[in-house]
Amino acid sequence: MLRMIKQNRGFAGALFLFAALFLIYNILHPRGFSSAVLVQNANESVAIAFVAMAQTVPVLMRGLDLSVGAVMTLSACVASYLLTGSGLQIGFGIFATLAVGTAFGLMNGLIVVYGRLQPIIATLATGAIAIGLALLLRPQPGGDVDGDLGWALTNTVWDFADTYGWADSGEAWWLAPFGEIPVPLILLIGVAVVVWLPFKRTVTGRTIYAIGSAEGAAYVSGLPINRAKLAAFTLAGFFSACAGLYLALQTSSGNADTVQAGAYTLNSIAAVVLGGTALAGGIGGVIASIVGALILRVISFYFRILDIEPLLQPLIEGLVLLTAVSIGAWRTFSVKNRLELFR
């Protein structure tokens, strides 16, 4: 156990920090340790957690994706048009929303691999395109998202069951052990477990880590470098689309907010670093970045209960972002032999 903690010091530290911050937050909160507070916290955390997941995959290859916030915004605007109607129409809308984000991620990968541009430059340009398309779709905030679906996916398991009539059936007893668990957390963990963990164990997934550790060595070893890069950016687009889809369900609308897109992108980088993923690449993972995103959100929760002035909140968030990035860079600059980063 101690050896595992030592090998994953960044993630272990992030997990401890989150647990401490969240515990103190609930102690200070007038309605702390209640299902209602947990649901509210979960709803405010899922979008940034998905965007942090999206940012993680390129960072593992020593790249940055500056389009994740913009792709999230575009996906939310698409969802605000399609998540209504019959069950079949809503199902198509969910698929189409995820497909848009995934396609944008694939486009990023194609530009980086075959256009041979630096990821930070390529995604800066494609992010501007995504925001432009979002503004075309939603010059003003609006949309029509299915109310039952939005309610069911932003509350507890009991609320989900009640919305679709499961709670009235004689078999509803099996929901009791986890009926108060927020559905948003189940969605977040479910996507991470179903999508990321199997992918991480594939040759392509292992190649992403190898590229971040030493791309030249990975190439000489015959690993599929181009395929891994394409997969990394495609997966980043998919996770960004998940964030946009949930944001549309949560707000019941689409909003082409440029400021919001930029804030989510910057916070995703901070969340990645706070979770223990190295900006130098090769170390970390999506699960760690989820914890980093939760830390950022818990810090913002303190603004409410401590009644911090709104004008001071961006300053505090900026200091947290700067500190997080500095911590990630410090380890890189403090070693004499780069191989020590990967021991």
Protein backbone atom coordinates (compact mmCIF):
# COMPACT_ATOMS: atom_id res chain seq x y z
CA MET A 1 0.00 0.00 0.00
CA LEU A 2 2.76 2.44 0.97
CA ARG A 3 4.59 1.63 -2.24
CA MET A 4 1.47 2.32 -4.29
CA ILE A 5 0.96 5.66 -2.53
CA LYS A 6 4.61 6.57 -3.09
CA GLN A 7 4.34 5.76 -6.80
CA ASN A 8 1.18 7.88 -7.08
CA ARG A 9 2.07 10.74 -4.76
CA GLY A 10 0.34 13.37 -6.89
CA PHE A 11 -2.97 11.52 -7.03
CA ALA A 12 -2.83 10.51 -3.35
CA GLY A 13 -2.15 14.11 -2.34
CA ALA A 14 -5.02 15.37 -4.49
CA LEU A 15 -7.40 12.79 -3.03
CA PHE A 16 -6.43 13.76 0.52
CA LEU A 17 -6.79 17.48 -0.25
CA PHE A 18 -10.24 16.98 -1.76
CA ALA A 19 -11.42 14.87 1.18
CA ALA A 20 -10.20 17.48 3.67
CA LEU A 21 -11.71 20.44 1.79
CA PHE A 22 -15.04 18.71 1.23
CA LEU A 23 -15.28 17.57 4.83
CA ILE A 24 -14.65 21.09 6.17
CA TYR A 25 -17.09 22.53 3.61
CA ASN A 26 -19.87 20.22 4.80
CA ILE A 27 -19.11 21.03 8.43
CA LEU A 28 -19.38 24.75 7.72
CA HIS A 29 -22.45 24.45 5.48
CA PRO A 30 -25.78 25.06 7.30
CA ARG A 31 -27.27 22.03 5.54
CA GLY A 32 -24.09 20.01 5.22
CA PHE A 33 -24.00 16.21 4.86
CA SER A 34 -27.43 16.16 3.22
CA SER A 35 -28.58 14.65 -0.06
CA ALA A 36 -29.74 18.04 -1.36
CA VAL A 37 -26.31 19.60 -0.86
CA LEU A 38 -24.57 16.62 -2.44
CA VAL A 39 -26.84 16.78 -5.51
CA GLN A 40 -26.21 20.50 -5.90
CA ASN A 41 -22.45 20.01 -5.58
CA ALA A 42 -22.50 17.16 -8.09
CA ASN A 43 -24.45 19.21 -10.64
CA GLU A 44 -21.92 22.02 -10.42
CA SER A 45 -18.97 19.65 -10.76
CA VAL A 46 -19.80 17.31 -13.62
CA ALA A 47 -19.17 19.67 -16.55
CA ILE A 48 -15.73 20.80 -15.34
CA ALA A 49 -14.85 17.18 -14.51
CA PHE A 50 -15.68 16.07 -18.06
CA VAL A 51 -13.65 18.95 -19.51
CA ALA A 52 -10.74 18.02 -17.23
CA MET A 53 -11.00 14.46 -18.54
CA ALA A 54 -10.86 15.85 -22.07
CA GLN A 55 -7.75 17.91 -21.30
CA THR A 56 -5.97 14.99 -19.65
CA VAL A 57 -5.52 12.83 -22.73
CA PRO A 58 -3.54 15.38 -24.81
CA VAL A 59 -1.56 16.41 -21.72
CA LEU A 60 -0.43 12.81 -21.31
CA MET A 61 1.29 13.28 -24.70
CA ARG A 62 2.83 16.60 -23.59
CA GLY A 63 0.25 18.63 -25.50
CA LEU A 64 -2.54 21.03 -24.60
CA ASP A 65 -6.00 21.18 -26.12
CA LEU A 66 -7.24 24.77 -25.99
CA SER A 67 -10.49 23.87 -27.73
CA VAL A 68 -12.10 21.74 -25.00
CA GLY A 69 -14.19 24.60 -23.58
CA ALA A 70 -15.26 25.71 -27.04
CA VAL A 71 -16.23 22.18 -28.11
CA MET A 72 -18.21 21.83 -24.88
CA THR A 73 -20.05 25.07 -25.69
CA LEU A 74 -20.77 24.00 -29.28
CA SER A 75 -22.05 20.61 -28.09
CA ALA A 76 -24.36 22.29 -25.57
CA CYS A 77 -25.79 24.50 -28.32
CA VAL A 78 -26.37 21.48 -30.57
CA ALA A 79 -28.04 19.63 -27.71
CA SER A 80 -30.36 22.58 -27.05
CA TYR A 81 -31.92 21.95 -30.47
CA LEU A 82 -32.06 18.15 -30.45
CA LEU A 83 -32.89 16.98 -26.90
CA THR A 84 -36.65 17.19 -27.28
CA GLY A 85 -39.48 15.17 -28.76
CA SER A 86 -40.04 11.42 -28.54
CA GLY A 87 -37.68 8.98 -26.89
CA LEU A 88 -36.22 8.06 -30.28
CA GLN A 89 -35.67 11.70 -31.17
CA ILE A 90 -33.97 12.38 -27.84
CA GLY A 91 -31.78 9.32 -28.33
CA PHE A 92 -30.76 10.61 -31.75
CA GLY A 93 -30.09 14.03 -30.22
CA ILE A 94 -27.75 12.56 -27.61
CA PHE A 95 -25.91 10.57 -30.28
CA ALA A 96 -25.65 13.59 -32.60
CA THR A 97 -24.35 15.83 -29.79
CA LEU A 98 -21.64 13.34 -28.85
CA ALA A 99 -20.82 12.81 -32.53
CA VAL A 100 -20.29 16.55 -33.10
CA GLY A 101 -17.78 16.81 -30.26
CA THR A 102 -16.04 13.60 -31.24
CA ALA A 103 -15.76 14.75 -34.86
CA PHE A 104 -14.24 18.03 -33.71
CA GLY A 105 -11.69 16.11 -31.66
CA LEU A 106 -10.87 13.94 -34.66
CA MET A 107 -10.37 17.07 -36.74
CA ASN A 108 -7.92 18.34 -34.13
CA GLY A 109 -6.02 15.08 -34.33
CA LEU A 110 -5.88 15.14 -38.12
CA ILE A 111 -4.52 18.69 -38.10
CA VAL A 112 -1.88 17.83 -35.49
CA VAL A 113 -0.80 14.56 -37.10
CA TYR A 114 -0.97 15.33 -40.82
CA GLY A 115 -0.74 19.12 -40.68
CA ARG A 116 2.20 18.78 -38.26
CA LEU A 117 1.15 21.75 -36.20
CA GLN A 118 1.76 22.09 -32.48
CA PRO A 119 -1.39 21.04 -30.57
CA ILE A 120 -1.63 24.35 -28.73
CA ILE A 121 -1.70 26.27 -32.04
CA ALA A 122 -4.03 23.89 -33.86
CA THR A 123 -6.57 23.72 -31.05
CA LEU A 124 -6.49 27.47 -30.50
CA ALA A 125 -7.66 27.87 -34.10
CA THR A 126 -10.24 25.07 -34.03
CA GLY A 127 -11.57 26.37 -30.72
CA ALA A 128 -12.30 29.71 -32.40
CA ILE A 129 -14.14 27.83 -35.15
CA ALA A 130 -16.21 25.93 -32.57
CA ILE A 131 -17.20 29.15 -30.82
CA GLY A 132 -18.11 30.71 -34.17
CA LEU A 133 -20.40 27.78 -34.99
CA ALA A 134 -21.93 27.95 -31.52
CA LEU A 135 -22.69 31.65 -32.03
CA LEU A 136 -24.35 30.84 -35.35
CA LEU A 137 -26.56 28.26 -33.64
CA ARG A 138 -27.32 30.34 -30.56
CA PRO A 139 -26.81 34.08 -31.01
CA GLN A 140 -28.92 34.36 -27.87
CA PRO A 141 -29.25 31.79 -25.07
CA GLY A 142 -32.21 29.50 -25.58
CA GLY A 143 -33.40 26.05 -26.49
CA ASP A 144 -35.88 23.35 -25.60
CA VAL A 145 -34.48 20.41 -23.64
CA ASP A 146 -36.76 17.60 -22.47
CA GLY A 147 -37.77 18.51 -18.90
CA ASP A 148 -38.18 14.95 -17.61
CA LEU A 149 -34.77 13.91 -18.88
CA GLY A 150 -33.14 17.01 -17.43
CA TRP A 151 -34.75 16.45 -14.05
CA ALA A 152 -33.97 12.73 -13.97
CA LEU A 153 -30.27 13.16 -14.81
CA THR A 154 -29.60 16.06 -12.45
CA ASN A 155 -31.06 14.59 -9.24
CA THR A 156 -30.86 11.41 -7.15
CA VAL A 157 -31.42 7.83 -8.25
CA TRP A 158 -34.80 7.90 -6.47
CA ASP A 159 -35.82 10.96 -8.51
CA PHE A 160 -34.72 9.23 -11.71
CA ALA A 161 -36.76 6.14 -10.83
CA ASP A 162 -39.77 8.22 -9.87
CA THR A 163 -39.64 10.22 -13.12
CA TYR A 164 -39.92 7.08 -15.23
CA GLY A 165 -42.28 5.17 -12.94
CA TRP A 166 -39.81 2.68 -11.49
CA ALA A 167 -40.27 3.80 -7.89
CA ASP A 168 -43.94 2.72 -7.93
CA SER A 169 -43.20 -0.85 -8.97
CA GLY A 170 -42.86 -3.75 -6.53
CA GLU A 171 -39.21 -4.19 -7.45
CA ALA A 172 -38.12 -0.71 -6.39
CA TRP A 173 -36.63 -2.11 -3.15
CA TRP A 174 -33.34 -2.75 -4.89
CA LEU A 175 -32.86 1.02 -5.30
CA ALA A 176 -32.88 1.66 -1.55
CA PRO A 177 -29.13 1.13 -0.85
CA PHE A 178 -28.11 3.81 -3.37
CA GLY A 179 -31.31 5.79 -3.88
CA GLU A 180 -29.80 9.02 -2.51
CA ILE A 181 -26.72 8.89 -4.77
CA PRO A 182 -26.71 11.78 -7.30
CA VAL A 183 -27.19 10.57 -10.87
CA PRO A 184 -24.57 13.10 -12.13
CA LEU A 185 -21.86 11.27 -10.18
CA ILE A 186 -23.01 7.93 -11.61
CA LEU A 187 -22.82 9.36 -15.14
CA LEU A 188 -19.35 10.79 -14.54
CA ILE A 189 -17.90 7.65 -12.99
CA GLY A 190 -19.70 5.46 -15.52
CA VAL A 191 -18.15 7.23 -18.51
CA ALA A 192 -14.70 7.07 -16.89
CA VAL A 193 -15.02 3.35 -16.14
CA VAL A 194 -16.69 2.30 -19.39
CA VAL A 195 -14.67 4.47 -21.79
CA TRP A 196 -11.33 5.44 -20.24
CA LEU A 197 -10.23 2.38 -18.26
CA PRO A 198 -10.65 -0.11 -21.13
CA PHE A 199 -9.03 2.32 -23.57
CA LYS A 200 -6.07 2.87 -21.23
CA ARG A 201 -5.27 -0.84 -21.37
CA THR A 202 -5.19 -1.03 -25.16
CA VAL A 203 -2.04 -0.70 -27.24
CA THR A 204 -3.21 2.72 -28.36
CA GLY A 205 -3.78 3.83 -24.78
CA ARG A 206 -0.37 2.63 -23.66
CA THR A 207 1.17 4.38 -26.64
CA ILE A 208 -0.24 7.71 -25.45
CA TYR A 209 1.71 7.29 -22.21
CA ALA A 210 4.79 6.23 -24.16
CA ILE A 211 4.62 9.34 -26.34
CA GLY A 212 4.55 11.52 -23.25
CA SER A 213 7.48 9.68 -21.71
CA ALA A 214 9.69 9.60 -24.81
CA GLU A 215 8.16 9.94 -28.27
CA GLY A 216 11.39 9.03 -30.04
CA ALA A 217 11.72 5.79 -28.12
CA ALA A 218 8.05 5.00 -28.76
CA TYR A 219 8.57 5.52 -32.50
CA VAL A 220 11.68 3.33 -32.61
CA SER A 221 9.77 0.63 -30.71
CA GLY A 222 7.23 0.48 -33.52
CA LEU A 223 4.29 1.79 -31.53
CA PRO A 224 1.38 3.34 -33.51
CA ILE A 225 2.25 7.00 -32.85
CA ASN A 226 -0.13 8.59 -35.35
CA ARG A 227 -3.03 6.36 -34.35
CA ALA A 228 -2.48 7.20 -30.68
CA LYS A 229 -2.46 10.94 -31.35
CA LEU A 230 -5.64 10.70 -33.40
CA ALA A 231 -7.29 8.64 -30.68
CA ALA A 232 -6.18 11.06 -27.94
CA PHE A 233 -7.70 14.14 -29.56
CA THR A 234 -10.81 12.23 -30.64
CA LEU A 235 -11.33 11.07 -27.07
CA ALA A 236 -10.80 14.64 -25.86
CA GLY A 237 -13.57 15.75 -28.21
CA PHE A 238 -15.87 13.01 -26.91
CA PHE A 239 -15.34 13.99 -23.27
CA SER A 240 -15.89 17.66 -24.16
CA ALA A 241 -19.15 16.70 -25.85
CA CYS A 242 -20.18 14.84 -22.69
CA ALA A 243 -19.61 18.08 -20.78
CA GLY A 244 -21.69 20.06 -23.26
CA LEU A 245 -24.46 17.49 -23.24
CA TYR A 246 -24.70 17.59 -19.47
CA LEU A 247 -24.52 21.38 -19.40
CA ALA A 248 -27.51 21.54 -21.75
CA LEU A 249 -29.45 19.10 -19.56
CA GLN A 250 -28.58 21.06 -16.43
CA THR A 251 -29.49 24.49 -17.79
CA SER A 252 -32.22 23.36 -20.25
CA SER A 253 -30.69 25.65 -22.86
CA GLY A 254 -27.70 26.37 -25.04
CA ASN A 255 -25.50 29.42 -24.60
CA ALA A 256 -22.57 30.38 -26.85
CA ASP A 257 -20.73 32.05 -23.98
CA THR A 258 -17.15 32.82 -25.04
CA VAL A 259 -16.06 33.78 -21.53
CA GLN A 260 -17.45 30.55 -20.12
CA ALA A 261 -15.65 28.49 -22.76
CA GLY A 262 -12.33 30.14 -21.96
CA ALA A 263 -12.83 29.73 -18.21
CA TYR A 264 -13.57 26.02 -18.57
CA THR A 265 -10.47 25.53 -20.71
CA LEU A 266 -8.18 27.25 -18.22
CA ASN A 267 -9.74 25.47 -15.27
CA SER A 268 -9.35 22.14 -17.04
CA ILE A 269 -5.58 22.67 -17.12
CA ALA A 270 -5.56 23.52 -13.41
CA ALA A 271 -7.67 20.44 -12.64
CA VAL A 272 -5.30 18.19 -14.57
CA VAL A 273 -2.30 19.49 -12.64
CA LEU A 274 -4.08 19.40 -9.28
CA GLY A 275 -4.97 15.76 -9.93
CA GLY A 276 -1.31 14.84 -10.26
CA THR A 277 -1.00 14.54 -14.05
CA ALA A 278 2.38 15.88 -15.20
CA LEU A 279 2.42 18.62 -17.82
CA ALA A 280 5.64 16.98 -19.02
CA GLY A 281 3.49 14.00 -20.08
CA GLY A 282 3.51 10.28 -19.39
CA ILE A 283 2.17 10.41 -15.82
CA GLY A 284 -1.41 10.66 -14.58
CA GLY A 285 -4.84 9.78 -15.85
CA VAL A 286 -8.47 10.73 -16.21
CA ILE A 287 -9.52 9.56 -12.75
CA ALA A 288 -6.89 11.81 -11.17
CA SER A 289 -8.14 14.78 -13.18
CA ILE A 290 -11.68 14.20 -11.93
CA VAL A 291 -10.36 14.59 -8.40
CA GLY A 292 -8.52 17.75 -9.47
CA ALA A 293 -11.74 19.17 -10.93
CA LEU A 294 -13.59 18.39 -7.72
CA ILE A 295 -10.95 20.28 -5.74
CA LEU A 296 -11.49 23.35 -7.91
CA ARG A 297 -15.24 23.13 -7.46
CA VAL A 298 -15.02 22.72 -3.69
CA ILE A 299 -12.89 25.88 -3.54
CA SER A 300 -15.64 27.74 -5.40
CA PHE A 301 -18.22 26.32 -2.96
CA TYR A 302 -16.39 28.10 -0.16
CA PHE A 303 -17.14 31.43 -1.86
CA ARG A 304 -20.82 31.00 -0.97
CA ILE A 305 -20.58 29.87 2.62
CA LEU A 306 -17.78 32.33 3.49
CA ASP A 307 -19.56 35.18 1.68
CA ILE A 308 -16.49 36.22 -0.31
CA GLU A 309 -16.97 39.34 -2.43
CA PRO A 310 -17.72 38.51 -6.10
CA LEU A 311 -14.96 40.88 -7.24
CA LEU A 312 -12.41 38.86 -5.26
CA GLN A 313 -13.50 35.47 -6.57
CA PRO A 314 -11.73 35.71 -9.98
CA LEU A 315 -8.58 36.80 -8.15
CA ILE A 316 -8.69 33.76 -5.88
CA GLU A 317 -9.44 31.41 -8.77
CA GLY A 318 -6.55 32.93 -10.73
CA LEU A 319 -4.18 32.40 -7.81
CA VAL A 320 -5.30 28.77 -7.52
CA LEU A 321 -4.76 28.29 -11.26
CA LEU A 322 -1.30 29.87 -11.10
CA THR A 323 -0.35 27.80 -8.07
CA ALA A 324 -1.56 24.58 -9.67
CA VAL A 325 0.38 25.14 -12.88
CA SER A 326 3.47 26.21 -10.91
CA ILE A 327 3.36 23.04 -8.83
CA GLY A 328 3.16 20.98 -12.00
CA ALA A 329 6.12 22.82 -13.55
CA TRP A 330 8.22 22.79 -10.39
CA ARG A 331 8.81 19.07 -10.52
CA THR A 332 10.01 19.35 -14.11
CA PHE A 333 12.46 22.15 -13.37
CA SER A 334 13.75 20.67 -10.13
CA VAL A 335 15.25 17.48 -11.58
CA LYS A 336 18.60 17.22 -13.27
CA ASN A 337 17.86 13.97 -15.07
CA ARG A 338 14.55 13.89 -16.95
CA LEU A 339 14.29 10.12 -16.44
CA GLU A 340 13.64 10.80 -12.76
CA LEU A 341 10.23 12.17 -13.71
CA PHE A 342 9.06 8.72 -14.77
CA ARG A 343 10.37 6.59 -11.90
